[in-house]
Amino acid sequence: MTVVYLSLGSNIGNREAYLRKAISALKTLPQTQVTQVSSFYETAAWGKTDQDDFLNLACQLETELDAQDLLSHCQKIEIDLNRVRHEHWGPRTIDIDILLYGQEVIATENLKVPHPYMTERGFVLVPLQEISPQLTLPNGRAVIDYLNQLDVSDVKVAKPFD
C-alpha cells in the first residue's frame, strides 16, 4: 500500500457538500482506504483572486492503485461532481490534487508529484499539517518547515470534518 495525500477544494455552490461527496467517492475507490480527513478550512482564492473564497481540506489515503490510475479516478470524481474547466485557477465545484504519492517523484505531462505549488500554499499545508504533523517531502524537508515560511493568517478553520 502507498500512502497518498490529496488536497481538495471547492468555491461554487454548497462547498461543504461537494467536499463531503468527493470524500465519499474516494472511499469507494478500489484497493483504496481513506485513512484521515482534515478539518474544513476557509481561504481566499489563490492565483486568480477575483472569485469566491474556497473551502479546503486534505486527506490521506492508502492505495494499491498506481499514481496514474488514482489520477484518473480523481478526475472522474471531479467530472461526476460537475467540475468544468473554463479557466486556469478559476472557480470550481471541486478540485482534487494529488500532493504526494508515497515518497515518489513523478514528472509526466499530466501529473507532477510532489504537487509543484504545494509548498507555497497555506491552504494546502495547514490541513496537511493537521493530519500528518511529522510529514516530510521526498526532498527530506518537513512540511512544517515550509509552513513556517508562509503567512497563513487567512487560512481559517471552518469546522471539523466529523
C-alpha atoms as a PDB file:
ATOM      1  CA  MET A   1       0.000   0.000   0.000  1.00  0.00           C
ATOM      2  CA  THR A   2       1.182   3.505  -0.823  1.00  0.00           C
ATOM      3  CA  VAL A   3       0.344   6.444   1.449  1.00  0.00           C
ATOM      4  CA  VAL A   4      -1.050   9.301  -0.617  1.00  0.00           C
ATOM      5  CA  TYR A   5      -2.035  12.840   0.345  1.00  0.00           C
ATOM      6  CA  LEU A   6      -4.681  14.804  -1.522  1.00  0.00           C
ATOM      7  CA  SER A   7      -5.842  18.405  -1.336  1.00  0.00           C
ATOM      8  CA  LEU A   8      -9.499  19.132  -2.078  1.00  0.00           C
ATOM      9  CA  GLY A   9     -11.169  22.488  -2.608  1.00  0.00           C
ATOM     10  CA  SER A  10     -14.494  23.980  -3.664  1.00  0.00           C
ATOM     11  CA  ASN A  11     -15.776  27.530  -4.179  1.00  0.00           C
ATOM     12  CA  ILE A  12     -19.048  27.115  -6.074  1.00  0.00           C
ATOM     13  CA  GLY A  13     -22.428  26.202  -4.633  1.00  0.00           C
ATOM     14  CA  ASN A  14     -22.625  24.139  -1.457  1.00  0.00           C
ATOM     15  CA  ARG A  15     -18.873  23.829  -0.957  1.00  0.00           C
ATOM     16  CA  GLU A  16     -19.107  21.560   2.075  1.00  0.00           C
ATOM     17  CA  ALA A  17     -21.487  19.181   0.293  1.00  0.00           C
ATOM     18  CA  TYR A  18     -19.143  18.925  -2.708  1.00  0.00           C
ATOM     19  CA  LEU A  19     -16.183  18.141  -0.437  1.00  0.00           C
ATOM     20  CA  ARG A  20     -18.160  15.541   1.509  1.00  0.00           C
ATOM     21  CA  LYS A  21     -19.338  13.901  -1.735  1.00  0.00           C
ATOM     22  CA  ALA A  22     -15.766  13.808  -3.021  1.00  0.00           C
ATOM     23  CA  ILE A  23     -14.525  12.128   0.183  1.00  0.00           C
ATOM     24  CA  SER A  24     -17.404   9.625  -0.031  1.00  0.00           C
ATOM     25  CA  ALA A  25     -16.441   8.853  -3.627  1.00  0.00           C
ATOM     26  CA  LEU A  26     -12.771   8.420  -2.656  1.00  0.00           C
ATOM     27  CA  LYS A  27     -13.884   5.905  -0.017  1.00  0.00           C
ATOM     28  CA  THR A  28     -15.390   3.735  -2.773  1.00  0.00           C
ATOM     29  CA  LEU A  29     -12.233   3.520  -4.895  1.00  0.00           C
ATOM     30  CA  PRO A  30     -10.900   0.011  -5.452  1.00  0.00           C
ATOM     31  CA  GLN A  31      -7.873  -1.089  -3.421  1.00  0.00           C
ATOM     32  CA  THR A  32      -8.023   2.204  -1.506  1.00  0.00           C
ATOM     33  CA  GLN A  33      -8.833   3.339   2.018  1.00  0.00           C
ATOM     34  CA  VAL A  34      -9.318   6.908   3.215  1.00  0.00           C
ATOM     35  CA  THR A  35      -7.401   6.917   6.493  1.00  0.00           C
ATOM     36  CA  GLN A  36      -7.586  10.581   7.573  1.00  0.00           C
ATOM     37  CA  VAL A  37      -9.501  13.738   6.695  1.00  0.00           C
ATOM     38  CA  SER A  38      -8.618  17.198   7.996  1.00  0.00           C
ATOM     39  CA  SER A  39     -10.984  19.881   9.188  1.00  0.00           C
ATOM     40  CA  PHE A  40     -12.568  22.238   6.665  1.00  0.00           C
ATOM     41  CA  TYR A  41     -10.584  25.448   6.103  1.00  0.00           C
ATOM     42  CA  GLU A  42     -11.925  28.682   4.627  1.00  0.00           C
ATOM     43  CA  THR A  43      -9.418  30.507   2.429  1.00  0.00           C
ATOM     44  CA  ALA A  44      -9.254  33.283  -0.125  1.00  0.00           C
ATOM     45  CA  ALA A  45      -8.738  32.263  -3.740  1.00  0.00           C
ATOM     46  CA  TRP A  46      -5.106  31.811  -4.790  1.00  0.00           C
ATOM     47  CA  GLY A  47      -3.660  32.656  -8.211  1.00  0.00           C
ATOM     48  CA  LYS A  48      -6.867  34.098  -9.656  1.00  0.00           C
ATOM     49  CA  THR A  49      -8.228  36.131  -6.766  1.00  0.00           C
ATOM     50  CA  ASP A  50     -11.421  37.649  -8.245  1.00  0.00           C
ATOM     51  CA  GLN A  51     -13.652  34.770  -7.190  1.00  0.00           C
ATOM     52  CA  ASP A  52     -15.419  33.429  -4.103  1.00  0.00           C
ATOM     53  CA  ASP A  53     -13.496  32.020  -1.144  1.00  0.00           C
ATOM     54  CA  PHE A  54     -12.660  28.334  -1.061  1.00  0.00           C
ATOM     55  CA  LEU A  55     -13.422  25.633   1.419  1.00  0.00           C
ATOM     56  CA  ASN A  56     -10.424  23.278   1.518  1.00  0.00           C
ATOM     57  CA  LEU A  57      -9.334  20.102   3.250  1.00  0.00           C
ATOM     58  CA  ALA A  58      -6.632  17.458   2.999  1.00  0.00           C
ATOM     59  CA  CYS A  59      -6.975  13.712   3.174  1.00  0.00           C
ATOM     60  CA  GLN A  60      -4.700  10.719   3.465  1.00  0.00           C
ATOM     61  CA  LEU A  61      -5.269   7.525   1.504  1.00  0.00           C
ATOM     62  CA  GLU A  62      -3.639   4.163   1.451  1.00  0.00           C
ATOM     63  CA  THR A  63      -3.902   2.642  -2.003  1.00  0.00           C
ATOM     64  CA  GLU A  64      -2.643  -0.098  -4.252  1.00  0.00           C
ATOM     65  CA  LEU A  65      -3.599   1.945  -7.317  1.00  0.00           C
ATOM     66  CA  ASP A  66      -0.697   3.369  -9.258  1.00  0.00           C
ATOM     67  CA  ALA A  67      -0.455   7.150  -9.482  1.00  0.00           C
ATOM     68  CA  GLN A  68      -1.934   7.426 -12.983  1.00  0.00           C
ATOM     69  CA  ASP A  69      -4.921   5.219 -12.077  1.00  0.00           C
ATOM     70  CA  LEU A  70      -5.509   7.285  -8.953  1.00  0.00           C
ATOM     71  CA  LEU A  71      -5.355  10.480 -11.016  1.00  0.00           C
ATOM     72  CA  SER A  72      -7.929   9.048 -13.447  1.00  0.00           C
ATOM     73  CA  HIS A  73     -10.268   8.176 -10.574  1.00  0.00           C
ATOM     74  CA  CYS A  74      -9.863  11.659  -9.046  1.00  0.00           C
ATOM     75  CA  GLN A  75     -10.638  13.303 -12.398  1.00  0.00           C
ATOM     76  CA  LYS A  76     -13.738  11.118 -12.800  1.00  0.00           C
ATOM     77  CA  ILE A  77     -14.925  12.191  -9.336  1.00  0.00           C
ATOM     78  CA  GLU A  78     -14.428  15.828 -10.373  1.00  0.00           C
ATOM     79  CA  ILE A  79     -16.480  15.267 -13.546  1.00  0.00           C
ATOM     80  CA  ASP A  80     -19.201  13.428 -11.597  1.00  0.00           C
ATOM     81  CA  LEU A  81     -19.396  16.445  -9.266  1.00  0.00           C
ATOM     82  CA  ASN A  82     -19.863  18.859 -12.180  1.00  0.00           C
ATOM     83  CA  ARG A  83     -16.302  20.180 -12.402  1.00  0.00           C
ATOM     84  CA  VAL A  84     -15.945  22.253 -15.562  1.00  0.00           C
ATOM     85  CA  ARG A  85     -12.531  23.616 -16.559  1.00  0.00           C
ATOM     86  CA  HIS A  86     -13.241  27.056 -18.047  1.00  0.00           C
ATOM     87  CA  GLU A  87     -10.077  28.846 -16.969  1.00  0.00           C
ATOM     88  CA  HIS A  88      -6.823  28.091 -15.193  1.00  0.00           C
ATOM     89  CA  TRP A  89      -7.247  28.505 -11.402  1.00  0.00           C
ATOM     90  CA  GLY A  90     -10.868  29.526 -11.986  1.00  0.00           C
ATOM     91  CA  PRO A  91     -13.924  28.773  -9.841  1.00  0.00           C
ATOM     92  CA  ARG A  92     -14.849  25.120  -9.414  1.00  0.00           C
ATOM     93  CA  THR A  93     -17.319  22.826  -7.703  1.00  0.00           C
ATOM     94  CA  ILE A  94     -14.470  20.507  -6.738  1.00  0.00           C
ATOM     95  CA  ASP A  95     -10.750  20.274  -7.225  1.00  0.00           C
ATOM     96  CA  ILE A  96      -8.764  17.199  -6.208  1.00  0.00           C
ATOM     97  CA  ASP A  97      -4.976  17.426  -6.350  1.00  0.00           C
ATOM     98  CA  ILE A  98      -2.532  14.620  -5.652  1.00  0.00           C
ATOM     99  CA  LEU A  99       0.053  16.228  -3.372  1.00  0.00           C
ATOM    100  CA  LEU A 100       2.231  13.244  -2.505  1.00  0.00           C
ATOM    101  CA  TYR A 101       2.287   9.667  -3.720  1.00  0.00           C
ATOM    102  CA  GLY A 102       4.448   7.911  -1.141  1.00  0.00           C
ATOM    103  CA  GLN A 103       7.943   9.332  -1.464  1.00  0.00           C
ATOM    104  CA  GLU A 104       7.864   9.123  -5.264  1.00  0.00           C
ATOM    105  CA  VAL A 105       8.808  11.974  -7.565  1.00  0.00           C
ATOM    106  CA  ILE A 106       6.637  11.891 -10.682  1.00  0.00           C
ATOM    107  CA  ALA A 107       7.002  14.227 -13.658  1.00  0.00           C
ATOM    108  CA  THR A 108       4.710  13.289 -16.518  1.00  0.00           C
ATOM    109  CA  GLU A 109       2.719  15.506 -18.853  1.00  0.00           C
ATOM    110  CA  ASN A 110      -0.444  15.161 -16.764  1.00  0.00           C
ATOM    111  CA  LEU A 111       0.919  14.573 -13.245  1.00  0.00           C
ATOM    112  CA  LYS A 112       3.608  16.267 -11.169  1.00  0.00           C
ATOM    113  CA  VAL A 113       4.274  14.864  -7.684  1.00  0.00           C
ATOM    114  CA  PRO A 114       5.065  16.363  -5.268  1.00  0.00           C
ATOM    115  CA  HIS A 115       2.497  18.924  -6.380  1.00  0.00           C
ATOM    116  CA  PRO A 116       4.552  21.822  -7.780  1.00  0.00           C
ATOM    117  CA  TYR A 117       2.818  24.588  -5.789  1.00  0.00           C
ATOM    118  CA  MET A 118       2.035  22.794  -2.542  1.00  0.00           C
ATOM    119  CA  THR A 119       4.881  24.357  -0.549  1.00  0.00           C
ATOM    120  CA  GLU A 120       3.684  27.864  -1.480  1.00  0.00           C
ATOM    121  CA  ARG A 121       0.060  27.398  -0.431  1.00  0.00           C
ATOM    122  CA  GLY A 122      -1.068  27.764   3.155  1.00  0.00           C
ATOM    123  CA  PHE A 123      -4.482  26.335   2.289  1.00  0.00           C
ATOM    124  CA  VAL A 124      -2.694  23.098   1.316  1.00  0.00           C
ATOM    125  CA  LEU A 125      -0.074  22.922   4.066  1.00  0.00           C
ATOM    126  CA  VAL A 126      -2.247  23.842   7.066  1.00  0.00           C
ATOM    127  CA  PRO A 127      -4.740  20.954   6.567  1.00  0.00           C
ATOM    128  CA  LEU A 128      -1.872  18.636   5.613  1.00  0.00           C
ATOM    129  CA  GLN A 129      -0.015  19.514   8.809  1.00  0.00           C
ATOM    130  CA  GLU A 130      -3.194  18.817  10.794  1.00  0.00           C
ATOM    131  CA  ILE A 131      -3.447  15.210   9.606  1.00  0.00           C
ATOM    132  CA  SER A 132       0.277  14.436   9.394  1.00  0.00           C
ATOM    133  CA  PRO A 133       2.356  16.689  11.669  1.00  0.00           C
ATOM    134  CA  GLN A 134       5.634  14.815  11.037  1.00  0.00           C
ATOM    135  CA  LEU A 135       5.270  14.566   7.250  1.00  0.00           C
ATOM    136  CA  THR A 136       8.376  15.082   5.111  1.00  0.00           C
ATOM    137  CA  LEU A 137       8.579  15.573   1.367  1.00  0.00           C
ATOM    138  CA  PRO A 138      10.717  13.399  -0.921  1.00  0.00           C
ATOM    139  CA  ASN A 139      13.442  16.079  -0.689  1.00  0.00           C
ATOM    140  CA  GLY A 140      13.726  15.346   3.063  1.00  0.00           C
ATOM    141  CA  ARG A 141      12.268  18.678   4.223  1.00  0.00           C
ATOM    142  CA  ALA A 142       9.413  18.650   6.700  1.00  0.00           C
ATOM    143  CA  VAL A 143       6.075  20.215   5.770  1.00  0.00           C
ATOM    144  CA  ILE A 144       6.303  22.323   8.939  1.00  0.00           C
ATOM    145  CA  ASP A 145       9.496  23.936   7.593  1.00  0.00           C
ATOM    146  CA  TYR A 146       7.620  25.223   4.552  1.00  0.00           C
ATOM    147  CA  LEU A 147       4.597  26.171   6.630  1.00  0.00           C
ATOM    148  CA  ASN A 148       6.728  28.288   8.964  1.00  0.00           C
ATOM    149  CA  GLN A 149       7.826  30.396   5.963  1.00  0.00           C
ATOM    150  CA  LEU A 150       4.266  31.307   4.931  1.00  0.00           C
ATOM    151  CA  ASP A 151       1.739  33.826   6.175  1.00  0.00           C
ATOM    152  CA  VAL A 152      -1.254  31.604   6.899  1.00  0.00           C
ATOM    153  CA  SER A 153      -3.335  34.202   8.727  1.00  0.00           C
ATOM    154  CA  ASP A 154      -6.025  33.938   6.019  1.00  0.00           C
ATOM    155  CA  VAL A 155      -6.405  30.146   6.455  1.00  0.00           C
ATOM    156  CA  LYS A 156      -9.247  29.773   8.966  1.00  0.00           C
ATOM    157  CA  VAL A 157     -10.604  26.551  10.441  1.00  0.00           C
ATOM    158  CA  ALA A 158     -14.256  26.471   9.428  1.00  0.00           C
ATOM    159  CA  LYS A 159     -15.251  23.275  11.258  1.00  0.00           C
ATOM    160  CA  PRO A 160     -14.115  19.703  11.882  1.00  0.00           C
ATOM    161  CA  PHE A 161     -14.893  17.169   9.167  1.00  0.00           C
ATOM    162  CA  ASP A 162     -16.519  14.771  11.679  1.00  0.00           C
END
